[in-house]
């Protein structure tokens, strides 16, 4: 059985069936030990007991109240509302450049696919928004076929897109009339992103998964060399001991704002950390929390 990093390395070469199997395996791993069904009987939240009416099922009778009053009462439950889940996937150039076989972009698509299927398992509609230059926005849907179709589409990428995370959030948030759950998958190279995320969490649930390539922390043993920023084309001189990208800057600001944040390095296992993060929040799409 392939490891999680093995699936990422082979993402480009997998056919559609293998790709779906890989995403399903990740979804099952993320949901392991967590009840996938949020529905019990007519709902999970007990509201009240009311007098029995013709047509009510016998299974809903509240026997304690019935015994106390001498009249038949039935329990009423509030059906849980499904909170839509939006996956904001960074398709910019900095996500595709990699020092390893598996890029941040490949990891993001793989993780987004697993989270999408896990969310659908919990009867939460899934929407997909690209936060690069591509005009990619899929309205929330409970159709697994539709969601998988767009995830397949995301397997193709370009090397010239810029990050537009802050702009996409500013465009999307005002159009939503009810609370939603956002999962951001990005390397956060957009310096305006943190400000936009702080505004977003004031109205919606939010988790930020920050992808990180090991080379962003410096190249050990490397001397001085000329480098070029993937999205802007800006060239600069640096050396291996210098950290030219500091992934921790966003983490500090986001945690101060009360935003759930997880850094994911492409060269390290991540499923266990992801599962713990979402389990601590009551899992995906459990609306109204």
C-alpha atoms as a PDB file:
ATOM      1  CA  UNK A   1       0.000   0.000   0.000  1.00  0.00           C
ATOM      2  CA  UNK A   2       1.399   3.419  -0.965  1.00  0.00           C
ATOM      3  CA  UNK A   3       2.269   5.942   1.710  1.00  0.00           C
ATOM      4  CA  UNK A   4       0.624   9.361   1.714  1.00  0.00           C
ATOM      5  CA  UNK A   5       3.781  10.925   0.237  1.00  0.00           C
ATOM      6  CA  UNK A   6       3.931   8.141  -2.367  1.00  0.00           C
ATOM      7  CA  UNK A   7       0.489   9.055  -3.660  1.00  0.00           C
ATOM      8  CA  UNK A   8       1.543  12.698  -3.993  1.00  0.00           C
ATOM      9  CA  UNK A   9       4.666  11.797  -5.965  1.00  0.00           C
ATOM     10  CA  UNK A  10       2.577   9.817  -8.472  1.00  0.00           C
ATOM     11  CA  UNK A  11      -0.339  12.234  -8.706  1.00  0.00           C
ATOM     12  CA  UNK A  12       0.433  13.336 -12.273  1.00  0.00           C
ATOM     13  CA  UNK A  13       0.667   9.772 -13.607  1.00  0.00           C
ATOM     14  CA  UNK A  14      -2.421   8.285 -11.929  1.00  0.00           C
ATOM     15  CA  UNK A  15      -5.404   7.574 -14.147  1.00  0.00           C
ATOM     16  CA  UNK A  16      -8.844   8.795 -13.075  1.00  0.00           C
ATOM     17  CA  UNK A  17      -9.692   5.585 -11.217  1.00  0.00           C
ATOM     18  CA  UNK A  18      -6.394   5.492  -9.323  1.00  0.00           C
ATOM     19  CA  UNK A  19      -6.721   9.185  -8.524  1.00  0.00           C
ATOM     20  CA  UNK A  20     -10.171   8.630  -7.013  1.00  0.00           C
ATOM     21  CA  UNK A  21      -8.879   5.644  -5.024  1.00  0.00           C
ATOM     22  CA  UNK A  22      -6.044   7.778  -3.638  1.00  0.00           C
ATOM     23  CA  UNK A  23      -8.461  10.511  -2.542  1.00  0.00           C
ATOM     24  CA  UNK A  24     -10.872   7.989  -1.036  1.00  0.00           C
ATOM     25  CA  UNK A  25      -8.035   6.427   0.944  1.00  0.00           C
ATOM     26  CA  UNK A  26      -7.067   9.821   2.353  1.00  0.00           C
ATOM     27  CA  UNK A  27     -10.698  10.646   3.202  1.00  0.00           C
ATOM     28  CA  UNK A  28     -11.090   7.360   5.074  1.00  0.00           C
ATOM     29  CA  UNK A  29      -7.819   7.976   6.947  1.00  0.00           C
ATOM     30  CA  UNK A  30      -8.924  11.437   7.985  1.00  0.00           C
ATOM     31  CA  UNK A  31     -12.297  10.147   9.198  1.00  0.00           C
ATOM     32  CA  UNK A  32     -10.903   7.064  10.959  1.00  0.00           C
ATOM     33  CA  UNK A  33     -12.449   6.681  14.393  1.00  0.00           C
ATOM     34  CA  UNK A  34     -14.941   9.488  13.805  1.00  0.00           C
ATOM     35  CA  UNK A  35     -18.633   8.827  13.227  1.00  0.00           C
ATOM     36  CA  UNK A  36     -19.287   9.607   9.572  1.00  0.00           C
ATOM     37  CA  UNK A  37     -23.047   9.920   9.941  1.00  0.00           C
ATOM     38  CA  UNK A  38     -24.332  13.051  11.665  1.00  0.00           C
ATOM     39  CA  UNK A  39     -27.916  11.822  11.522  1.00  0.00           C
ATOM     40  CA  UNK A  40     -29.600   9.695  14.210  1.00  0.00           C
ATOM     41  CA  UNK A  41     -33.317   9.069  13.701  1.00  0.00           C
ATOM     42  CA  UNK A  42     -34.885  12.422  12.877  1.00  0.00           C
ATOM     43  CA  UNK A  43     -31.857  14.390  14.049  1.00  0.00           C
ATOM     44  CA  UNK A  44     -29.183  14.635  16.707  1.00  0.00           C
ATOM     45  CA  UNK A  45     -30.335  17.647  18.766  1.00  0.00           C
ATOM     46  CA  UNK A  46     -33.231  16.934  21.118  1.00  0.00           C
ATOM     47  CA  UNK A  47     -35.594  19.953  21.198  1.00  0.00           C
ATOM     48  CA  UNK A  48     -38.732  19.035  23.154  1.00  0.00           C
ATOM     49  CA  UNK A  49     -41.482  16.493  23.722  1.00  0.00           C
ATOM     50  CA  UNK A  50     -44.983  17.129  22.424  1.00  0.00           C
ATOM     51  CA  UNK A  51     -48.326  15.276  22.563  1.00  0.00           C
ATOM     52  CA  UNK A  52     -48.615  12.272  20.281  1.00  0.00           C
ATOM     53  CA  UNK A  53     -50.414  12.893  16.985  1.00  0.00           C
ATOM     54  CA  UNK A  54     -51.889  10.355  14.590  1.00  0.00           C
ATOM     55  CA  UNK A  55     -49.187   9.236  12.179  1.00  0.00           C
ATOM     56  CA  UNK A  56     -46.259   9.660  14.580  1.00  0.00           C
ATOM     57  CA  UNK A  57     -43.939   6.673  14.724  1.00  0.00           C
ATOM     58  CA  UNK A  58     -44.030   4.583  17.877  1.00  0.00           C
ATOM     59  CA  UNK A  59     -40.236   4.664  17.998  1.00  0.00           C
ATOM     60  CA  UNK A  60     -40.302   8.402  18.800  1.00  0.00           C
ATOM     61  CA  UNK A  61     -42.457   8.037  21.942  1.00  0.00           C
ATOM     62  CA  UNK A  62     -40.943   9.681  25.017  1.00  0.00           C
ATOM     63  CA  UNK A  63     -41.702   6.968  27.563  1.00  0.00           C
ATOM     64  CA  UNK A  64     -40.557   8.973  30.578  1.00  0.00           C
ATOM     65  CA  UNK A  65     -42.904  11.891  29.905  1.00  0.00           C
ATOM     66  CA  UNK A  66     -45.673   9.458  28.896  1.00  0.00           C
ATOM     67  CA  UNK A  67     -45.337   7.591  32.205  1.00  0.00           C
ATOM     68  CA  UNK A  68     -45.341  10.817  34.194  1.00  0.00           C
ATOM     69  CA  UNK A  69     -48.336  12.432  32.492  1.00  0.00           C
ATOM     70  CA  UNK A  70     -50.394   9.414  31.557  1.00  0.00           C
ATOM     71  CA  UNK A  71     -50.597  10.719  27.974  1.00  0.00           C
ATOM     72  CA  UNK A  72     -48.503   9.748  24.976  1.00  0.00           C
ATOM     73  CA  UNK A  73     -45.706  12.178  24.125  1.00  0.00           C
ATOM     74  CA  UNK A  74     -43.123  11.964  21.340  1.00  0.00           C
ATOM     75  CA  UNK A  75     -39.627  13.422  21.153  1.00  0.00           C
ATOM     76  CA  UNK A  76     -38.828  16.122  18.605  1.00  0.00           C
ATOM     77  CA  UNK A  77     -35.345  16.603  17.204  1.00  0.00           C
ATOM     78  CA  UNK A  78     -33.742  19.388  15.250  1.00  0.00           C
ATOM     79  CA  UNK A  79     -32.255  18.150  12.023  1.00  0.00           C
ATOM     80  CA  UNK A  80     -28.640  19.347  11.760  1.00  0.00           C
ATOM     81  CA  UNK A  81     -27.974  21.915   9.083  1.00  0.00           C
ATOM     82  CA  UNK A  82     -25.214  21.165   6.615  1.00  0.00           C
ATOM     83  CA  UNK A  83     -22.640  23.933   6.553  1.00  0.00           C
ATOM     84  CA  UNK A  84     -21.144  24.337   3.063  1.00  0.00           C
ATOM     85  CA  UNK A  85     -17.410  23.725   2.859  1.00  0.00           C
ATOM     86  CA  UNK A  86     -15.324  25.912   0.534  1.00  0.00           C
ATOM     87  CA  UNK A  87     -11.879  24.679  -0.482  1.00  0.00           C
ATOM     88  CA  UNK A  88      -9.662  27.626  -1.465  1.00  0.00           C
ATOM     89  CA  UNK A  89      -6.804  26.079  -3.447  1.00  0.00           C
ATOM     90  CA  UNK A  90      -3.719  28.108  -4.357  1.00  0.00           C
ATOM     91  CA  UNK A  91      -2.869  27.461  -8.027  1.00  0.00           C
ATOM     92  CA  UNK A  92      -0.088  30.057  -8.253  1.00  0.00           C
ATOM     93  CA  UNK A  93       3.434  29.534  -9.594  1.00  0.00           C
ATOM     94  CA  UNK A  94       5.084  29.403  -6.166  1.00  0.00           C
ATOM     95  CA  UNK A  95       3.007  26.308  -5.365  1.00  0.00           C
ATOM     96  CA  UNK A  96       4.280  24.398  -8.413  1.00  0.00           C
ATOM     97  CA  UNK A  97       8.027  25.042  -7.968  1.00  0.00           C
ATOM     98  CA  UNK A  98       9.564  22.296  -5.863  1.00  0.00           C
ATOM     99  CA  UNK A  99      12.881  21.016  -4.577  1.00  0.00           C
ATOM    100  CA  UNK A 100      11.406  17.512  -4.300  1.00  0.00           C
ATOM    101  CA  UNK A 101       9.340  15.171  -6.475  1.00  0.00           C
ATOM    102  CA  UNK A 102       6.163  16.244  -4.728  1.00  0.00           C
ATOM    103  CA  UNK A 103       5.352  19.941  -4.976  1.00  0.00           C
ATOM    104  CA  UNK A 104       3.205  22.035  -2.682  1.00  0.00           C
ATOM    105  CA  UNK A 105       0.610  22.129  -5.452  1.00  0.00           C
ATOM    106  CA  UNK A 106       0.413  18.336  -5.711  1.00  0.00           C
ATOM    107  CA  UNK A 107       0.063  18.067  -1.944  1.00  0.00           C
ATOM    108  CA  UNK A 108      -2.674  20.719  -1.920  1.00  0.00           C
ATOM    109  CA  UNK A 109      -4.753  18.959  -4.588  1.00  0.00           C
ATOM    110  CA  UNK A 110      -4.350  15.599  -2.846  1.00  0.00           C
ATOM    111  CA  UNK A 111      -5.328  17.000   0.558  1.00  0.00           C
ATOM    112  CA  UNK A 112      -8.221  19.006  -0.926  1.00  0.00           C
ATOM    113  CA  UNK A 113      -9.557  15.859  -2.574  1.00  0.00           C
ATOM    114  CA  UNK A 114      -9.456  13.867   0.654  1.00  0.00           C
ATOM    115  CA  UNK A 115     -11.130  16.667   2.593  1.00  0.00           C
ATOM    116  CA  UNK A 116     -13.771  17.083  -0.115  1.00  0.00           C
ATOM    117  CA  UNK A 117     -14.798  13.411  -0.009  1.00  0.00           C
ATOM    118  CA  UNK A 118     -14.728  13.380   3.803  1.00  0.00           C
ATOM    119  CA  UNK A 119     -16.966  16.438   3.847  1.00  0.00           C
ATOM    120  CA  UNK A 120     -19.402  14.859   1.369  1.00  0.00           C
ATOM    121  CA  UNK A 121     -19.511  11.774   3.596  1.00  0.00           C
ATOM    122  CA  UNK A 122     -20.842  14.068   6.315  1.00  0.00           C
ATOM    123  CA  UNK A 123     -23.516  15.460   3.981  1.00  0.00           C
ATOM    124  CA  UNK A 124     -21.816  18.851   3.676  1.00  0.00           C
ATOM    125  CA  UNK A 125     -21.827  20.424   0.184  1.00  0.00           C
ATOM    126  CA  UNK A 126     -18.381  21.212  -1.186  1.00  0.00           C
ATOM    127  CA  UNK A 127     -17.357  24.245  -3.227  1.00  0.00           C
ATOM    128  CA  UNK A 128     -13.971  24.794  -4.882  1.00  0.00           C
ATOM    129  CA  UNK A 129     -12.311  28.160  -5.479  1.00  0.00           C
ATOM    130  CA  UNK A 130      -8.965  28.675  -7.198  1.00  0.00           C
ATOM    131  CA  UNK A 131      -6.913  31.519  -5.720  1.00  0.00           C
ATOM    132  CA  UNK A 132      -4.441  31.918  -8.558  1.00  0.00           C
ATOM    133  CA  UNK A 133      -5.078  33.656 -11.893  1.00  0.00           C
ATOM    134  CA  UNK A 134      -7.455  30.996 -13.186  1.00  0.00           C
ATOM    135  CA  UNK A 135     -11.162  31.810 -13.002  1.00  0.00           C
ATOM    136  CA  UNK A 136     -12.097  28.694 -11.052  1.00  0.00           C
ATOM    137  CA  UNK A 137     -15.154  28.766  -8.817  1.00  0.00           C
ATOM    138  CA  UNK A 138     -17.455  25.795  -8.261  1.00  0.00           C
ATOM    139  CA  UNK A 139     -20.601  26.385  -6.226  1.00  0.00           C
ATOM    140  CA  UNK A 140     -21.109  24.038  -3.235  1.00  0.00           C
ATOM    141  CA  UNK A 141     -22.516  20.696  -4.326  1.00  0.00           C
ATOM    142  CA  UNK A 142     -23.353  17.332  -2.780  1.00  0.00           C
ATOM    143  CA  UNK A 143     -22.546  15.603  -6.079  1.00  0.00           C
ATOM    144  CA  UNK A 144     -19.392  13.520  -5.692  1.00  0.00           C
ATOM    145  CA  UNK A 145     -19.161  13.202  -9.478  1.00  0.00           C
ATOM    146  CA  UNK A 146     -19.153  16.980  -9.922  1.00  0.00           C
ATOM    147  CA  UNK A 147     -16.591  17.557  -7.171  1.00  0.00           C
ATOM    148  CA  UNK A 148     -14.275  14.835  -8.498  1.00  0.00           C
ATOM    149  CA  UNK A 149     -14.584  16.282 -12.000  1.00  0.00           C
ATOM    150  CA  UNK A 150     -13.190  19.608 -10.826  1.00  0.00           C
ATOM    151  CA  UNK A 151     -10.486  17.967  -8.748  1.00  0.00           C
ATOM    152  CA  UNK A 152      -9.379  16.107 -11.898  1.00  0.00           C
ATOM    153  CA  UNK A 153      -9.334  19.459 -13.691  1.00  0.00           C
ATOM    154  CA  UNK A 154      -7.017  20.836 -10.994  1.00  0.00           C
ATOM    155  CA  UNK A 155      -4.416  18.181 -11.761  1.00  0.00           C
ATOM    156  CA  UNK A 156      -3.305  20.326 -14.707  1.00  0.00           C
ATOM    157  CA  UNK A 157      -1.426  23.487 -13.772  1.00  0.00           C
ATOM    158  CA  UNK A 158       0.630  26.381 -15.110  1.00  0.00           C
ATOM    159  CA  UNK A 159       3.872  27.997 -14.004  1.00  0.00           C
ATOM    160  CA  UNK A 160       2.887  31.643 -14.525  1.00  0.00           C
ATOM    161  CA  UNK A 161      -0.009  32.289 -12.152  1.00  0.00           C
ATOM    162  CA  UNK A 162       0.168  34.817  -9.340  1.00  0.00           C
ATOM    163  CA  UNK A 163      -1.396  34.434  -5.898  1.00  0.00           C
ATOM    164  CA  UNK A 164      -4.766  36.155  -5.514  1.00  0.00           C
ATOM    165  CA  UNK A 165      -5.855  34.713  -2.176  1.00  0.00           C
ATOM    166  CA  UNK A 166      -6.752  38.052  -0.578  1.00  0.00           C
ATOM    167  CA  UNK A 167      -8.638  39.214  -3.678  1.00  0.00           C
ATOM    168  CA  UNK A 168     -10.645  35.973  -3.958  1.00  0.00           C
ATOM    169  CA  UNK A 169     -11.665  36.178  -0.304  1.00  0.00           C
ATOM    170  CA  UNK A 170     -12.777  39.791  -0.777  1.00  0.00           C
ATOM    171  CA  UNK A 171     -14.862  38.759  -3.804  1.00  0.00           C
ATOM    172  CA  UNK A 172     -16.419  35.661  -2.268  1.00  0.00           C
ATOM    173  CA  UNK A 173     -17.204  36.566   1.334  1.00  0.00           C
ATOM    174  CA  UNK A 174     -19.757  39.370   0.709  1.00  0.00           C
ATOM    175  CA  UNK A 175     -21.810  37.082  -1.571  1.00  0.00           C
ATOM    176  CA  UNK A 176     -22.468  34.530   1.195  1.00  0.00           C
ATOM    177  CA  UNK A 177     -25.667  35.018   3.157  1.00  0.00           C
ATOM    178  CA  UNK A 178     -25.080  32.241   5.713  1.00  0.00           C
ATOM    179  CA  UNK A 179     -22.142  30.893   7.692  1.00  0.00           C
ATOM    180  CA  UNK A 180     -19.737  28.649   5.777  1.00  0.00           C
ATOM    181  CA  UNK A 181     -16.627  26.612   6.503  1.00  0.00           C
ATOM    182  CA  UNK A 182     -13.488  27.637   4.616  1.00  0.00           C
ATOM    183  CA  UNK A 183     -10.370  25.504   4.219  1.00  0.00           C
ATOM    184  CA  UNK A 184      -7.450  27.397   2.679  1.00  0.00           C
ATOM    185  CA  UNK A 185      -4.616  25.410   1.065  1.00  0.00           C
ATOM    186  CA  UNK A 186      -1.803  27.809   0.190  1.00  0.00           C
ATOM    187  CA  UNK A 187       1.832  28.662   0.830  1.00  0.00           C
ATOM    188  CA  UNK A 188       0.603  32.157   1.863  1.00  0.00           C
ATOM    189  CA  UNK A 189       3.023  34.011  -0.377  1.00  0.00           C
ATOM    190  CA  UNK A 190       0.349  36.692  -0.739  1.00  0.00           C
ATOM    191  CA  UNK A 191       1.327  39.259   1.898  1.00  0.00           C
ATOM    192  CA  UNK A 192      -2.219  40.629   1.996  1.00  0.00           C
ATOM    193  CA  UNK A 193      -3.677  37.196   2.721  1.00  0.00           C
ATOM    194  CA  UNK A 194      -3.424  37.304   6.518  1.00  0.00           C
ATOM    195  CA  UNK A 195      -5.434  40.528   6.729  1.00  0.00           C
ATOM    196  CA  UNK A 196      -8.133  39.048   4.480  1.00  0.00           C
ATOM    197  CA  UNK A 197      -8.207  35.826   6.519  1.00  0.00           C
ATOM    198  CA  UNK A 198      -8.658  37.783   9.747  1.00  0.00           C
ATOM    199  CA  UNK A 199     -11.726  39.468   8.246  1.00  0.00           C
ATOM    200  CA  UNK A 200     -13.064  36.158   6.935  1.00  0.00           C
ATOM    201  CA  UNK A 201     -12.955  34.395  10.319  1.00  0.00           C
ATOM    202  CA  UNK A 202     -15.171  37.086  11.830  1.00  0.00           C
ATOM    203  CA  UNK A 203     -18.136  35.730   9.847  1.00  0.00           C
ATOM    204  CA  UNK A 204     -17.198  32.157   8.960  1.00  0.00           C
ATOM    205  CA  UNK A 205     -15.397  29.053  10.231  1.00  0.00           C
ATOM    206  CA  UNK A 206     -11.844  28.851   8.919  1.00  0.00           C
ATOM    207  CA  UNK A 207      -8.884  26.491   8.789  1.00  0.00           C
ATOM    208  CA  UNK A 208      -5.623  27.432   7.056  1.00  0.00           C
ATOM    209  CA  UNK A 209      -3.323  24.685   5.790  1.00  0.00           C
ATOM    210  CA  UNK A 210       0.004  26.270   4.868  1.00  0.00           C
ATOM    211  CA  UNK A 211       2.090  24.216   2.435  1.00  0.00           C
ATOM    212  CA  UNK A 212       5.863  24.448   2.796  1.00  0.00           C
ATOM    213  CA  UNK A 213       8.706  23.157   0.639  1.00  0.00           C
ATOM    214  CA  UNK A 214      11.817  22.149   2.653  1.00  0.00           C
ATOM    215  CA  UNK A 215      14.004  24.410   0.494  1.00  0.00           C
ATOM    216  CA  UNK A 216      12.079  27.478   1.676  1.00  0.00           C
ATOM    217  CA  UNK A 217      13.947  27.203   4.951  1.00  0.00           C
ATOM    218  CA  UNK A 218      17.315  27.400   3.160  1.00  0.00           C
ATOM    219  CA  UNK A 219      19.597  25.022   1.255  1.00  0.00           C
ATOM    220  CA  UNK A 220      22.221  23.450   3.474  1.00  0.00           C
ATOM    221  CA  UNK A 221      25.699  23.414   2.044  1.00  0.00           C
ATOM    222  CA  UNK A 222      24.842  25.866  -0.738  1.00  0.00           C
ATOM    223  CA  UNK A 223      26.948  28.973  -1.245  1.00  0.00           C
ATOM    224  CA  UNK A 224      25.839  32.199  -2.889  1.00  0.00           C
ATOM    225  CA  UNK A 225      23.530  31.817  -5.884  1.00  0.00           C
ATOM    226  CA  UNK A 226      21.100  33.814  -8.000  1.00  0.00           C
ATOM    227  CA  UNK A 227      17.413  33.003  -7.530  1.00  0.00           C
ATOM    228  CA  UNK A 228      14.178  34.163  -9.156  1.00  0.00           C
ATOM    229  CA  UNK A 229      10.817  34.539  -7.442  1.00  0.00           C
ATOM    230  CA  UNK A 230       8.343  32.241  -9.221  1.00  0.00           C
ATOM    231  CA  UNK A 231       5.365  34.597  -9.457  1.00  0.00           C
ATOM    232  CA  UNK A 232       6.891  38.066  -9.885  1.00  0.00           C
ATOM    233  CA  UNK A 233      10.049  37.103 -11.795  1.00  0.00           C
ATOM    234  CA  UNK A 234      12.115  39.213  -9.382  1.00  0.00           C
ATOM    235  CA  UNK A 235      15.755  38.056  -9.249  1.00  0.00           C
ATOM    236  CA  UNK A 236      17.881  38.223  -6.116  1.00  0.00           C
ATOM    237  CA  UNK A 237      21.168  36.968  -4.711  1.00  0.00           C
ATOM    238  CA  UNK A 238      21.052  34.727  -1.639  1.00  0.00           C
ATOM    239  CA  UNK A 239      22.919  31.868   0.005  1.00  0.00           C
ATOM    240  CA  UNK A 240      22.049  28.487   1.468  1.00  0.00           C
ATOM    241  CA  UNK A 241      22.135  29.505   5.107  1.00  0.00           C
ATOM    242  CA  UNK A 242      19.626  32.302   4.627  1.00  0.00           C
ATOM    243  CA  UNK A 243      15.898  31.695   5.122  1.00  0.00           C
ATOM    244  CA  UNK A 244      14.469  33.734   2.226  1.00  0.00           C
ATOM    245  CA  UNK A 245      10.926  32.656   3.024  1.00  0.00           C
ATOM    246  CA  UNK A 246       9.784  32.510   6.643  1.00  0.00           C
ATOM    247  CA  UNK A 247       6.653  30.320   6.838  1.00  0.00           C
ATOM    248  CA  UNK A 248       6.318  31.099  10.550  1.00  0.00           C
ATOM    249  CA  UNK A 249       5.373  34.758  10.069  1.00  0.00           C
ATOM    250  CA  UNK A 250       1.817  33.894   8.976  1.00  0.00           C
ATOM    251  CA  UNK A 251       1.427  31.245  11.669  1.00  0.00           C
ATOM    252  CA  UNK A 252       2.049  33.761  14.427  1.00  0.00           C
ATOM    253  CA  UNK A 253      -0.451  36.297  13.088  1.00  0.00           C
ATOM    254  CA  UNK A 254      -3.146  33.729  12.343  1.00  0.00           C
ATOM    255  CA  UNK A 255      -2.955  32.113  15.768  1.00  0.00           C
ATOM    256  CA  UNK A 256      -3.193  35.519  17.433  1.00  0.00           C
ATOM    257  CA  UNK A 257      -6.450  36.005  15.481  1.00  0.00           C
ATOM    258  CA  UNK A 258      -7.788  32.662  16.743  1.00  0.00           C
ATOM    259  CA  UNK A 259      -7.538  30.968  13.339  1.00  0.00           C
ATOM    260  CA  UNK A 260      -6.812  27.232  13.225  1.00  0.00           C
ATOM    261  CA  UNK A 261      -3.562  26.836  11.308  1.00  0.00           C
ATOM    262  CA  UNK A 262      -1.377  23.899  10.330  1.00  0.00           C
ATOM    263  CA  UNK A 263       1.942  23.975   8.483  1.00  0.00           C
ATOM    264  CA  UNK A 264       2.400  21.002   6.156  1.00  0.00           C
ATOM    265  CA  UNK A 265       5.866  20.225   4.808  1.00  0.00           C
ATOM    266  CA  UNK A 266       5.875  18.304   1.554  1.00  0.00           C
ATOM    267  CA  UNK A 267       8.668  16.003   2.743  1.00  0.00           C
ATOM    268  CA  UNK A 268       6.929  14.851   5.935  1.00  0.00           C
ATOM    269  CA  UNK A 269       3.811  12.765   6.785  1.00  0.00           C
ATOM    270  CA  UNK A 270       0.774  14.899   7.572  1.00  0.00           C
ATOM    271  CA  UNK A 271      -2.370  12.723   7.822  1.00  0.00           C
ATOM    272  CA  UNK A 272      -2.124  12.245  11.588  1.00  0.00           C
ATOM    273  CA  UNK A 273      -1.816  15.998  12.187  1.00  0.00           C
ATOM    274  CA  UNK A 274      -4.701  16.736   9.820  1.00  0.00           C
ATOM    275  CA  UNK A 275      -6.934  14.170  11.505  1.00  0.00           C
ATOM    276  CA  UNK A 276      -6.172  15.580  14.949  1.00  0.00           C
ATOM    277  CA  UNK A 277      -6.875  19.135  13.780  1.00  0.00           C
ATOM    278  CA  UNK A 278     -10.294  18.373  12.330  1.00  0.00           C
ATOM    279  CA  UNK A 279     -11.250  15.966  15.105  1.00  0.00           C
ATOM    280  CA  UNK A 280     -10.590  18.730  17.651  1.00  0.00           C
ATOM    281  CA  UNK A 281     -13.031  20.992  15.790  1.00  0.00           C
ATOM    282  CA  UNK A 282     -15.852  18.427  15.638  1.00  0.00           C
ATOM    283  CA  UNK A 283     -14.940  17.429  12.080  1.00  0.00           C
ATOM    284  CA  UNK A 284     -16.082  18.873   8.766  1.00  0.00           C
ATOM    285  CA  UNK A 285     -19.341  20.576   8.058  1.00  0.00           C
ATOM    286  CA  UNK A 286     -20.907  20.122  11.470  1.00  0.00           C
ATOM    287  CA  UNK A 287     -22.932  23.274  11.055  1.00  0.00           C
ATOM    288  CA  UNK A 288     -23.989  25.707  13.700  1.00  0.00           C
ATOM    289  CA  UNK A 289     -21.026  25.115  16.018  1.00  0.00           C
END
